[in-house]
Amino acid sequence: PHIPLIADTRNVYLKNTEGEEAIGADGTFVLLSLAF
């Protein structure tokens, strides 16, 4: 899963502050590495 972001004229923010996309990316990598 990729992390959705949104920006205004000055800063970039997380679109979903309670999202678990970062943990999901790590978990996907671990499972794929185990299978490989």
Full PDB file with SEQRES, HELIX, SHEET, SSBOND, CRYST1, ORIGX, SCALE, CONECT and MASTER records, all heavy atoms in Angstrom:
SEQRES   1 A   36  PRO HIS ILE PRO LEU ILE ALA ASP THR ARG ASN VAL TYR          
SEQRES   2 A   36  LEU LYS ASN THR GLU GLY GLU GLU ALA ILE GLY ALA ASP          
SEQRES   3 A   36  GLY THR PHE VAL LEU LEU SER LEU ALA PHE                      
HELIX    1 AA1 GLU A   21  ALA A   35  1                                  15    
SHEET    1 AA1 2 LEU A   5  ALA A   7  0                                        
SHEET    2 AA1 2 VAL A  12  LEU A  14 -1                                        
CRYST1    1.000    1.000    1.000  90.00  90.00  90.00 P 1           1          
ORIGX1      1.000000  0.000000  0.000000        0.00000                         
ORIGX2      0.000000  1.000000  0.000000        0.00000                         
ORIGX3      0.000000  0.000000  1.000000        0.00000                         
SCALE1      1.000000  0.000000  0.000000        0.00000                         
SCALE2      0.000000  1.000000  0.000000        0.00000                         
SCALE3      0.000000  0.000000  1.000000        0.00000                         
ATOM      1  N   PRO A   1       0.839  -1.210   0.000  1.00  0.00           N  
ATOM      2  CA  PRO A   1       0.000   0.000   0.000  1.00  0.00           C  
ATOM      3  C   PRO A   1       0.865   1.248   0.000  1.00  0.00           C  
ATOM      4  O   PRO A   1       1.907   1.307   0.657  1.00  0.00           O  
ATOM      5  CB  PRO A   1      -0.796  -0.123   1.314  1.00  0.00           C  
ATOM      6  CG  PRO A   1       0.050  -0.998   2.184  1.00  0.00           C  
ATOM      7  CD  PRO A   1       0.766  -1.947   1.286  1.00  0.00           C  
ATOM      8  N   HIS A   2       0.446   2.239  -0.762  1.00  0.00           N  
ATOM      9  CA  HIS A   2       1.173   3.499  -0.854  1.00  0.00           C  
ATOM     10  C   HIS A   2       0.511   4.544   0.046  1.00  0.00           C  
ATOM     11  O   HIS A   2      -0.695   4.504   0.300  1.00  0.00           O  
ATOM     12  CB  HIS A   2       1.211   4.002  -2.296  1.00  0.00           C  
ATOM     13  CG  HIS A   2       2.025   3.123  -3.198  1.00  0.00           C  
ATOM     14  ND1 HIS A   2       1.596   1.879  -3.612  1.00  0.00           N  
ATOM     15  CD2 HIS A   2       3.244   3.321  -3.776  1.00  0.00           C  
ATOM     16  CE1 HIS A   2       2.511   1.343  -4.402  1.00  0.00           C  
ATOM     17  NE2 HIS A   2       3.516   2.195  -4.517  1.00  0.00           N  
ATOM     18  N   ILE A   3       1.327   5.469   0.513  1.00  0.00           N  
ATOM     19  CA  ILE A   3       0.857   6.474   1.468  1.00  0.00           C  
ATOM     20  C   ILE A   3       0.272   7.662   0.702  1.00  0.00           C  
ATOM     21  O   ILE A   3       0.988   8.321  -0.070  1.00  0.00           O  
ATOM     22  CB  ILE A   3       2.015   6.941   2.359  1.00  0.00           C  
ATOM     23  CG1 ILE A   3       2.624   5.744   3.099  1.00  0.00           C  
ATOM     24  CG2 ILE A   3       1.538   7.987   3.357  1.00  0.00           C  
ATOM     25  CD1 ILE A   3       3.851   6.108   3.913  1.00  0.00           C  
ATOM     26  N   PRO A   4      -1.039   7.956   0.890  1.00  0.00           N  
ATOM     27  CA  PRO A   4      -1.625   9.126   0.203  1.00  0.00           C  
ATOM     28  C   PRO A   4      -1.241  10.430   0.900  1.00  0.00           C  
ATOM     29  O   PRO A   4      -1.271  10.536   2.126  1.00  0.00           O  
ATOM     30  CB  PRO A   4      -3.133   8.860   0.310  1.00  0.00           C  
ATOM     31  CG  PRO A   4      -3.284   7.998   1.517  1.00  0.00           C  
ATOM     32  CD  PRO A   4      -2.047   7.173   1.629  1.00  0.00           C  
ATOM     33  N   LEU A   5      -0.871  11.396   0.120  1.00  0.00           N  
ATOM     34  CA  LEU A   5      -0.456  12.704   0.628  1.00  0.00           C  
ATOM     35  C   LEU A   5      -1.289  13.801  -0.048  1.00  0.00           C  
ATOM     36  O   LEU A   5      -1.882  13.590  -1.109  1.00  0.00           O  
ATOM     37  CB  LEU A   5       1.037  12.954   0.355  1.00  0.00           C  
ATOM     38  CG  LEU A   5       2.029  11.937   0.916  1.00  0.00           C  
ATOM     39  CD1 LEU A   5       3.440  12.279   0.466  1.00  0.00           C  
ATOM     40  CD2 LEU A   5       1.959  11.868   2.439  1.00  0.00           C  
ATOM     41  N   ILE A   6      -1.310  14.946   0.596  1.00  0.00           N  
ATOM     42  CA  ILE A   6      -1.992  16.119   0.049  1.00  0.00           C  
ATOM     43  C   ILE A   6      -1.194  17.359   0.450  1.00  0.00           C  
ATOM     44  O   ILE A   6      -0.563  17.381   1.512  1.00  0.00           O  
ATOM     45  CB  ILE A   6      -3.452  16.205   0.547  1.00  0.00           C  
ATOM     46  CG1 ILE A   6      -4.234  17.230  -0.257  1.00  0.00           C  
ATOM     47  CG2 ILE A   6      -3.514  16.467   2.033  1.00  0.00           C  
ATOM     48  CD1 ILE A   6      -5.737  17.189   0.021  1.00  0.00           C  
ATOM     49  N   ALA A   7      -1.195  18.342  -0.373  1.00  0.00           N  
ATOM     50  CA  ALA A   7      -0.363  19.532  -0.132  1.00  0.00           C  
ATOM     51  C   ALA A   7      -1.173  20.799  -0.347  1.00  0.00           C  
ATOM     52  O   ALA A   7      -2.176  20.813  -1.077  1.00  0.00           O  
ATOM     53  CB  ALA A   7       0.852  19.507  -1.059  1.00  0.00           C  
ATOM     54  N   ASP A   8      -0.756  21.849   0.325  1.00  0.00           N  
ATOM     55  CA  ASP A   8      -1.287  23.181   0.060  1.00  0.00           C  
ATOM     56  C   ASP A   8      -0.179  23.996  -0.604  1.00  0.00           C  
ATOM     57  O   ASP A   8       0.765  23.442  -1.177  1.00  0.00           O  
ATOM     58  CB  ASP A   8      -1.803  23.835   1.350  1.00  0.00           C  
ATOM     59  CG  ASP A   8      -0.762  23.854   2.455  1.00  0.00           C  
ATOM     60  OD1 ASP A   8       0.449  23.663   2.140  1.00  0.00           O  
ATOM     61  OD2 ASP A   8      -1.126  24.053   3.622  1.00  0.00           O  
ATOM     62  N   THR A   9      -0.268  25.266  -0.492  1.00  0.00           N  
ATOM     63  CA  THR A   9       0.742  26.096  -1.158  1.00  0.00           C  
ATOM     64  C   THR A   9       2.079  26.116  -0.424  1.00  0.00           C  
ATOM     65  O   THR A   9       3.080  26.573  -0.986  1.00  0.00           O  
ATOM     66  CB  THR A   9       0.210  27.528  -1.273  1.00  0.00           C  
ATOM     67  OG1 THR A   9      -0.124  28.011   0.036  1.00  0.00           O  
ATOM     68  CG2 THR A   9      -1.008  27.578  -2.174  1.00  0.00           C  
ATOM     69  N   ARG A  10       2.113  25.555   0.805  1.00  0.00           N  
ATOM     70  CA  ARG A  10       3.353  25.645   1.592  1.00  0.00           C  
ATOM     71  C   ARG A  10       3.856  24.290   2.093  1.00  0.00           C  
ATOM     72  O   ARG A  10       5.057  24.053   2.097  1.00  0.00           O  
ATOM     73  CB  ARG A  10       3.142  26.580   2.796  1.00  0.00           C  
ATOM     74  CG  ARG A  10       2.787  28.010   2.418  1.00  0.00           C  
ATOM     75  CD  ARG A  10       2.591  28.863   3.650  1.00  0.00           C  
ATOM     76  NE  ARG A  10       3.803  28.902   4.478  1.00  0.00           N  
ATOM     77  CZ  ARG A  10       3.879  29.521   5.642  1.00  0.00           C  
ATOM     78  NH1 ARG A  10       2.805  30.167   6.117  1.00  0.00           N  
ATOM     79  NH2 ARG A  10       4.992  29.536   6.317  1.00  0.00           N  
ATOM     80  N   ASN A  11       2.968  23.398   2.533  1.00  0.00           N  
ATOM     81  CA  ASN A  11       3.375  22.151   3.194  1.00  0.00           C  
ATOM     82  C   ASN A  11       2.681  20.955   2.566  1.00  0.00           C  
ATOM     83  O   ASN A  11       1.686  21.090   1.829  1.00  0.00           O  
ATOM     84  CB  ASN A  11       3.053  22.208   4.699  1.00  0.00           C  
ATOM     85  CG  ASN A  11       3.793  23.318   5.419  1.00  0.00           C  
ATOM     86  OD1 ASN A  11       4.994  23.491   5.209  1.00  0.00           O  
ATOM     87  ND2 ASN A  11       3.085  24.074   6.256  1.00  0.00           N  
ATOM     88  N   VAL A  12       3.208  19.801   2.923  1.00  0.00           N  
ATOM     89  CA  VAL A  12       2.654  18.507   2.482  1.00  0.00           C  
ATOM     90  C   VAL A  12       2.177  17.775   3.723  1.00  0.00           C  
ATOM     91  O   VAL A  12       2.897  17.687   4.741  1.00  0.00           O  
ATOM     92  CB  VAL A  12       3.699  17.679   1.722  1.00  0.00           C  
ATOM     93  CG1 VAL A  12       3.112  16.331   1.298  1.00  0.00           C  
ATOM     94  CG2 VAL A  12       4.225  18.429   0.522  1.00  0.00           C  
ATOM     95  N   TYR A  13       0.984  17.183   3.669  1.00  0.00           N  
ATOM     96  CA  TYR A  13       0.379  16.526   4.816  1.00  0.00           C  
ATOM     97  C   TYR A  13      -0.050  15.109   4.435  1.00  0.00           C  
ATOM     98  O   TYR A  13      -0.245  14.792   3.253  1.00  0.00           O  
ATOM     99  CB  TYR A  13      -0.849  17.301   5.309  1.00  0.00           C  
ATOM    100  CG  TYR A  13      -0.581  18.749   5.612  1.00  0.00           C  
ATOM    101  CD1 TYR A  13      -0.839  19.726   4.640  1.00  0.00           C  
ATOM    102  CD2 TYR A  13      -0.104  19.149   6.853  1.00  0.00           C  
ATOM    103  CE1 TYR A  13      -0.605  21.057   4.909  1.00  0.00           C  
ATOM    104  CE2 TYR A  13       0.135  20.495   7.117  1.00  0.00           C  
ATOM    105  CZ  TYR A  13      -0.121  21.440   6.155  1.00  0.00           C  
ATOM    106  OH  TYR A  13       0.111  22.761   6.409  1.00  0.00           O  
ATOM    107  N   LEU A  14      -0.193  14.302   5.476  1.00  0.00           N  
ATOM    108  CA  LEU A  14      -0.796  12.980   5.289  1.00  0.00           C  
ATOM    109  C   LEU A  14      -2.299  13.169   5.088  1.00  0.00           C  
ATOM    110  O   LEU A  14      -2.960  13.859   5.872  1.00  0.00           O  
ATOM    111  CB  LEU A  14      -0.544  12.090   6.506  1.00  0.00           C  
ATOM    112  CG  LEU A  14       0.891  11.589   6.731  1.00  0.00           C  
ATOM    113  CD1 LEU A  14       0.986  10.874   8.074  1.00  0.00           C  
ATOM    114  CD2 LEU A  14       1.309  10.648   5.611  1.00  0.00           C  
ATOM    115  N   LYS A  15      -2.838  12.527   4.085  1.00  0.00           N  
ATOM    116  CA  LYS A  15      -4.275  12.647   3.863  1.00  0.00           C  
ATOM    117  C   LYS A  15      -5.051  11.917   4.938  1.00  0.00           C  
ATOM    118  O   LYS A  15      -6.107  12.375   5.380  1.00  0.00           O  
ATOM    119  CB  LYS A  15      -4.631  12.093   2.485  1.00  0.00           C  
ATOM    120  CG  LYS A  15      -6.095  12.261   2.140  1.00  0.00           C  
ATOM    121  CD  LYS A  15      -6.405  11.758   0.749  1.00  0.00           C  
ATOM    122  CE  LYS A  15      -7.873  11.982   0.422  1.00  0.00           C  
ATOM    123  NZ  LYS A  15      -8.223  11.518  -0.951  1.00  0.00           N  
ATOM    124  N   ASN A  16      -4.530  10.772   5.364  1.00  0.00           N  
ATOM    125  CA  ASN A  16      -5.174   9.999   6.426  1.00  0.00           C  
ATOM    126  C   ASN A  16      -4.160   9.851   7.551  1.00  0.00           C  
ATOM    127  O   ASN A  16      -3.210   9.058   7.457  1.00  0.00           O  
ATOM    128  CB  ASN A  16      -5.613   8.629   5.907  1.00  0.00           C  
ATOM    129  CG  ASN A  16      -6.395   7.842   6.944  1.00  0.00           C  
ATOM    130  OD1 ASN A  16      -6.735   8.359   8.025  1.00  0.00           O  
ATOM    131  ND2 ASN A  16      -6.697   6.595   6.629  1.00  0.00           N  
ATOM    132  N   THR A  17      -4.314  10.629   8.607  1.00  0.00           N  
ATOM    133  CA  THR A  17      -3.333  10.621   9.701  1.00  0.00           C  
ATOM    134  C   THR A  17      -3.342   9.320  10.480  1.00  0.00           C  
ATOM    135  O   THR A  17      -2.374   9.010  11.178  1.00  0.00           O  
ATOM    136  CB  THR A  17      -3.628  11.784  10.660  1.00  0.00           C  
ATOM    137  OG1 THR A  17      -4.978  11.698  11.143  1.00  0.00           O  
ATOM    138  CG2 THR A  17      -3.432  13.117   9.944  1.00  0.00           C  
ATOM    139  N   GLU A  18      -4.414   8.561  10.415  1.00  0.00           N  
ATOM    140  CA  GLU A  18      -4.490   7.285  11.122  1.00  0.00           C  
ATOM    141  C   GLU A  18      -4.277   6.087  10.192  1.00  0.00           C  
ATOM    142  O   GLU A  18      -4.576   4.959  10.551  1.00  0.00           O  
ATOM    143  CB  GLU A  18      -5.853   7.158  11.811  1.00  0.00           C  
ATOM    144  CG  GLU A  18      -6.091   8.231  12.874  1.00  0.00           C  
ATOM    145  CD  GLU A  18      -7.447   8.070  13.547  1.00  0.00           C  
ATOM    146  OE1 GLU A  18      -8.203   7.152  13.121  1.00  0.00           O  
ATOM    147  OE2 GLU A  18      -7.745   8.830  14.480  1.00  0.00           O  
ATOM    148  N   GLY A  19      -3.764   6.351   9.030  1.00  0.00           N  
ATOM    149  CA  GLY A  19      -3.537   5.264   8.086  1.00  0.00           C  
ATOM    150  C   GLY A  19      -2.371   4.384   8.491  1.00  0.00           C  
ATOM    151  O   GLY A  19      -1.456   4.797   9.218  1.00  0.00           O  
ATOM    152  N   GLU A  20      -2.399   3.142   8.034  1.00  0.00           N  
ATOM    153  CA  GLU A  20      -1.358   2.154   8.356  1.00  0.00           C  
ATOM    154  C   GLU A  20      -0.636   1.703   7.087  1.00  0.00           C  
ATOM    155  O   GLU A  20      -0.188   0.573   6.994  1.00  0.00           O  
ATOM    156  CB  GLU A  20      -1.985   0.958   9.070  1.00  0.00           C  
ATOM    157  CG  GLU A  20      -2.633   1.320  10.397  1.00  0.00           C  
ATOM    158  CD  GLU A  20      -3.261   0.114  11.088  1.00  0.00           C  
ATOM    159  OE1 GLU A  20      -3.288  -0.956  10.437  1.00  0.00           O  
ATOM    160  OE2 GLU A  20      -3.696   0.247  12.238  1.00  0.00           O  
ATOM    161  N   GLU A  21      -0.550   2.582   6.128  1.00  0.00           N  
ATOM    162  CA  GLU A  21       0.098   2.206   4.874  1.00  0.00           C  
ATOM    163  C   GLU A  21       1.592   1.936   5.062  1.00  0.00           C  
ATOM    164  O   GLU A  21       2.156   1.037   4.419  1.00  0.00           O  
ATOM    165  CB  GLU A  21      -0.095   3.306   3.826  1.00  0.00           C  
ATOM    166  CG  GLU A  21      -1.507   3.413   3.274  1.00  0.00           C  
ATOM    167  CD  GLU A  21      -2.425   4.208   4.196  1.00  0.00           C  
ATOM    168  OE1 GLU A  21      -1.912   4.775   5.188  1.00  0.00           O  
ATOM    169  OE2 GLU A  21      -3.634   4.274   3.911  1.00  0.00           O  
ATOM    170  N   ALA A  22       2.259   2.709   5.950  1.00  0.00           N  
ATOM    171  CA  ALA A  22       3.691   2.489   6.173  1.00  0.00           C  
ATOM    172  C   ALA A  22       3.952   1.114   6.793  1.00  0.00           C  
ATOM    173  O   ALA A  22       4.863   0.382   6.384  1.00  0.00           O  
ATOM    174  CB  ALA A  22       4.251   3.594   7.066  1.00  0.00           C  
ATOM    175  N   ILE A  23       3.124   0.747   7.771  1.00  0.00           N  
ATOM    176  CA  ILE A  23       3.271  -0.578   8.374  1.00  0.00           C  
ATOM    177  C   ILE A  23       2.924  -1.659   7.368  1.00  0.00           C  
ATOM    178  O   ILE A  23       3.556  -2.721   7.318  1.00  0.00           O  
ATOM    179  CB  ILE A  23       2.391  -0.670   9.635  1.00  0.00           C  
ATOM    180  CG1 ILE A  23       2.809   0.382  10.664  1.00  0.00           C  
ATOM    181  CG2 ILE A  23       2.466  -2.060  10.241  1.00  0.00           C  
ATOM    182  CD1 ILE A  23       1.959   0.409  11.899  1.00  0.00           C  
ATOM    183  N   GLY A  24       1.920  -1.396   6.545  1.00  0.00           N  
ATOM    184  CA  GLY A  24       1.550  -2.375   5.525  1.00  0.00           C  
ATOM    185  C   GLY A  24       2.648  -2.601   4.506  1.00  0.00           C  
ATOM    186  O   GLY A  24       2.854  -3.721   4.030  1.00  0.00           O  
ATOM    187  N   ALA A  25       3.386  -1.549   4.168  1.00  0.00           N  
ATOM    188  CA  ALA A  25       4.498  -1.708   3.222  1.00  0.00           C  
ATOM    189  C   ALA A  25       5.595  -2.574   3.819  1.00  0.00           C  
ATOM    190  O   ALA A  25       6.157  -3.451   3.144  1.00  0.00           O  
ATOM    191  CB  ALA A  25       5.047  -0.333   2.852  1.00  0.00           C  
ATOM    192  N   ASP A  26       5.898  -2.365   5.104  1.00  0.00           N  
ATOM    193  CA  ASP A  26       6.910  -3.196   5.751  1.00  0.00           C  
ATOM    194  C   ASP A  26       6.452  -4.644   5.863  1.00  0.00           C  
ATOM    195  O   ASP A  26       7.224  -5.585   5.629  1.00  0.00           O  
ATOM    196  CB  ASP A  26       7.228  -2.645   7.139  1.00  0.00           C  
ATOM    197  CG  ASP A  26       8.031  -1.356   7.077  1.00  0.00           C  
ATOM    198  OD1 ASP A  26       8.299  -0.891   5.947  1.00  0.00           O  
ATOM    199  OD2 ASP A  26       8.379  -0.818   8.137  1.00  0.00           O  
ATOM    200  N   GLY A  27       5.176  -4.828   6.235  1.00  0.00           N  
ATOM    201  CA  GLY A  27       4.660  -6.188   6.357  1.00  0.00           C  
ATOM    202  C   GLY A  27       4.643  -6.925   5.026  1.00  0.00           C  
ATOM    203  O   GLY A  27       4.951  -8.123   4.957  1.00  0.00           O  
ATOM    204  N   THR A  28       4.299  -6.220   3.966  1.00  0.00           N  
ATOM    205  CA  THR A  28       4.310  -6.840   2.643  1.00  0.00           C  
ATOM    206  C   THR A  28       5.722  -7.258   2.240  1.00  0.00           C  
ATOM    207  O   THR A  28       5.940  -8.340   1.691  1.00  0.00           O  
ATOM    208  CB  THR A  28       3.738  -5.872   1.608  1.00  0.00           C  
ATOM    209  OG1 THR A  28       2.428  -5.472   2.003  1.00  0.00           O  
ATOM    210  CG2 THR A  28       3.684  -6.520   0.240  1.00  0.00           C  
ATOM    211  N   PHE A  29       6.695  -6.407   2.545  1.00  0.00           N  
ATOM    212  CA  PHE A  29       8.081  -6.748   2.228  1.00  0.00           C  
ATOM    213  C   PHE A  29       8.547  -7.963   3.014  1.00  0.00           C  
ATOM    214  O   PHE A  29       9.262  -8.826   2.482  1.00  0.00           O  
ATOM    215  CB  PHE A  29       8.984  -5.547   2.525  1.00  0.00           C  
ATOM    216  CG  PHE A  29      10.396  -5.720   2.056  1.00  0.00           C  
ATOM    217  CD1 PHE A  29      10.760  -5.364   0.762  1.00  0.00           C  
ATOM    218  CD2 PHE A  29      11.373  -6.242   2.891  1.00  0.00           C  
ATOM    219  CE1 PHE A  29      12.062  -5.531   0.321  1.00  0.00           C  
ATOM    220  CE2 PHE A  29      12.671  -6.408   2.465  1.00  0.00           C  
ATOM    221  CZ  PHE A  29      13.014  -6.050   1.167  1.00  0.00           C  
ATOM    222  N   VAL A  30       8.172  -8.061   4.278  1.00  0.00           N  
ATOM    223  CA  VAL A  30       8.577  -9.210   5.100  1.00  0.00           C  
ATOM    224  C   VAL A  30       7.981 -10.502   4.555  1.00  0.00           C  
ATOM    225  O   VAL A  30       8.677 -11.527   4.425  1.00  0.00           O  
ATOM    226  CB  VAL A  30       8.159  -8.975   6.562  1.00  0.00           C  
ATOM    227  CG1 VAL A  30       8.298 -10.254   7.376  1.00  0.00           C  
ATOM    228  CG2 VAL A  30       8.996  -7.863   7.187  1.00  0.00           C  
ATOM    229  N   LEU A  31       6.690 -10.485   4.229  1.00  0.00           N  
ATOM    230  CA  LEU A  31       6.045 -11.699   3.719  1.00  0.00           C  
ATOM    231  C   LEU A  31       6.627 -12.115   2.368  1.00  0.00           C  
ATOM    232  O   LEU A  31       6.856 -13.305   2.117  1.00  0.00           O  
ATOM    233  CB  LEU A  31       4.540 -11.475   3.617  1.00  0.00           C  
ATOM    234  CG  LEU A  31       3.790 -11.275   4.948  1.00  0.00           C  
ATOM    235  CD1 LEU A  31       2.308 -11.024   4.686  1.00  0.00           C  
ATOM    236  CD2 LEU A  31       3.971 -12.487   5.848  1.00  0.00           C  
ATOM    237  N   LEU A  32       6.869 -11.149   1.516  1.00  0.00           N  
ATOM    238  CA  LEU A  32       7.456 -11.474   0.215  1.00  0.00           C  
ATOM    239  C   LEU A  32       8.881 -12.001   0.370  1.00  0.00           C  
ATOM    240  O   LEU A  32       9.287 -12.945  -0.329  1.00  0.00           O  
ATOM    241  CB  LEU A  32       7.443 -10.246  -0.682  1.00  0.00           C  
ATOM    242  CG  LEU A  32       6.068  -9.800  -1.193  1.00  0.00           C  
ATOM    243  CD1 LEU A  32       6.189  -8.498  -1.986  1.00  0.00           C  
ATOM    244  CD2 LEU A  32       5.427 -10.877  -2.053  1.00  0.00           C  
ATOM    245  N   SER A  33       9.661 -11.416   1.268  1.00  0.00           N  
ATOM    246  CA  SER A  33      11.023 -11.902   1.499  1.00  0.00           C  
ATOM    247  C   SER A  33      11.012 -13.318   2.041  1.00  0.00           C  
ATOM    248  O   SER A  33      11.854 -14.153   1.659  1.00  0.00           O  
ATOM    249  CB  SER A  33      11.752 -10.970   2.470  1.00  0.00           C  
ATOM    250  OG  SER A  33      11.864  -9.669   1.941  1.00  0.00           O  
ATOM    251  N   LEU A  34      10.073 -13.612   2.923  1.00  0.00           N  
ATOM    252  CA  LEU A  34       9.951 -14.968   3.448  1.00  0.00           C  
ATOM    253  C   LEU A  34       9.628 -15.961   2.330  1.00  0.00           C  
ATOM    254  O   LEU A  34      10.224 -17.051   2.243  1.00  0.00           O  
ATOM    255  CB  LEU A  34       8.869 -15.001   4.528  1.00  0.00           C  
ATOM    256  CG  LEU A  34       8.601 -16.348   5.212  1.00  0.00           C  
ATOM    257  CD1 LEU A  34       9.844 -16.823   5.944  1.00  0.00           C  
ATOM    258  CD2 LEU A  34       7.424 -16.239   6.171  1.00  0.00           C  
ATOM    259  N   ALA A  35       8.692 -15.596   1.466  1.00  0.00           N  
ATOM    260  CA  ALA A  35       8.330 -16.480   0.357  1.00  0.00           C  
ATOM    261  C   ALA A  35       9.491 -16.652  -0.621  1.00  0.00           C  
ATOM    262  O   ALA A  35       9.775 -17.777  -1.081  1.00  0.00           O  
ATOM    263  CB  ALA A  35       7.107 -15.919  -0.375  1.00  0.00           C  
ATOM    264  N   PHE A  36      10.201 -15.573  -0.923  1.00  0.00           N  
ATOM    265  CA  PHE A  36      11.342 -15.672  -1.841  1.00  0.00           C  
ATOM    266  C   PHE A  36      12.460 -16.514  -1.240  1.00  0.00           C  
ATOM    267  O   PHE A  36      13.139 -17.265  -1.954  1.00  0.00           O  
ATOM    268  CB  PHE A  36      11.843 -14.278  -2.196  1.00  0.00           C  
ATOM    269  CG  PHE A  36      11.191 -13.680  -3.399  1.00  0.00           C  
ATOM    270  CD1 PHE A  36       9.879 -13.204  -3.334  1.00  0.00           C  
ATOM    271  CD2 PHE A  36      11.849 -13.595  -4.609  1.00  0.00           C  
ATOM    272  CE1 PHE A  36       9.263 -12.656  -4.433  1.00  0.00           C  
ATOM    273  CE2 PHE A  36      11.237 -13.041  -5.722  1.00  0.00           C  
ATOM    274  CZ  PHE A  36       9.928 -12.571  -5.644  1.00  0.00           C  
TER     275      PHE A  36                                                      
MASTER        0    0    0    1    2    0    0    6  274    1    0    3          
END                                                                             
